[in-house]
Amino acid sequence: MNTVEYTPRDVELMKMAIEQGRKCTSVDTAYNVGAVIVDSKGKVISTGYSRQFPGNTHAEQCALMTLEEKFGENLDKVLENATMYTTMEPCSKRLSGNVPCVQRILNTKIKKVVVGVMEPPNFVQCTGTEELLNHSVDIVHVTELENECKDLNKHLSN
């Protein structure tokens, strides 16, 4: 992972993502994740959480869908140098056949992704942060909120 340090604002926005993750309806086959997107000036422009919309949707996907509906063709401009906060590493593989969140992010102009926890190997082997780094997207890990992010998924503990 890169060496970009996180800031108090990153912590504040990750806490907002955690609040989004708490809105999830827990299921045995998926993680509860929250996401927040801020524009290049740091203004919150979208939020999302897992299964917010029909179709086994992920938090990152929901936050992007909300923006796409609002901005349509201007989405690239809105997301120029934007940052996404997500309580869990964006997925690199979807068992459902849906487009992985990493690919959705790479299809935008988001330049930084801030994560709370790496995806555990419960369902797939995730390479999300590695793929983002390989495509020049900065990754920041807010380590001080790892426990809060993990708590969103205590329903999956044995």
Foldseek 3Di string as FASTA:
>chain_A
DDDDEDDPLLVVQLVVQLVQLLPDDDDQPDFWKKKWKAFQVRHTDFIAIAPPDPDRDHGLRGRLVVLCVVQPPCQQVRQAQMEMEMAEQFFPDDPSPDHTSLVVVVVHNHQEYEYAYYDDPPPHDGPRVVVSVVVRRHYHYPPVCNVSSVVSGCVNPD
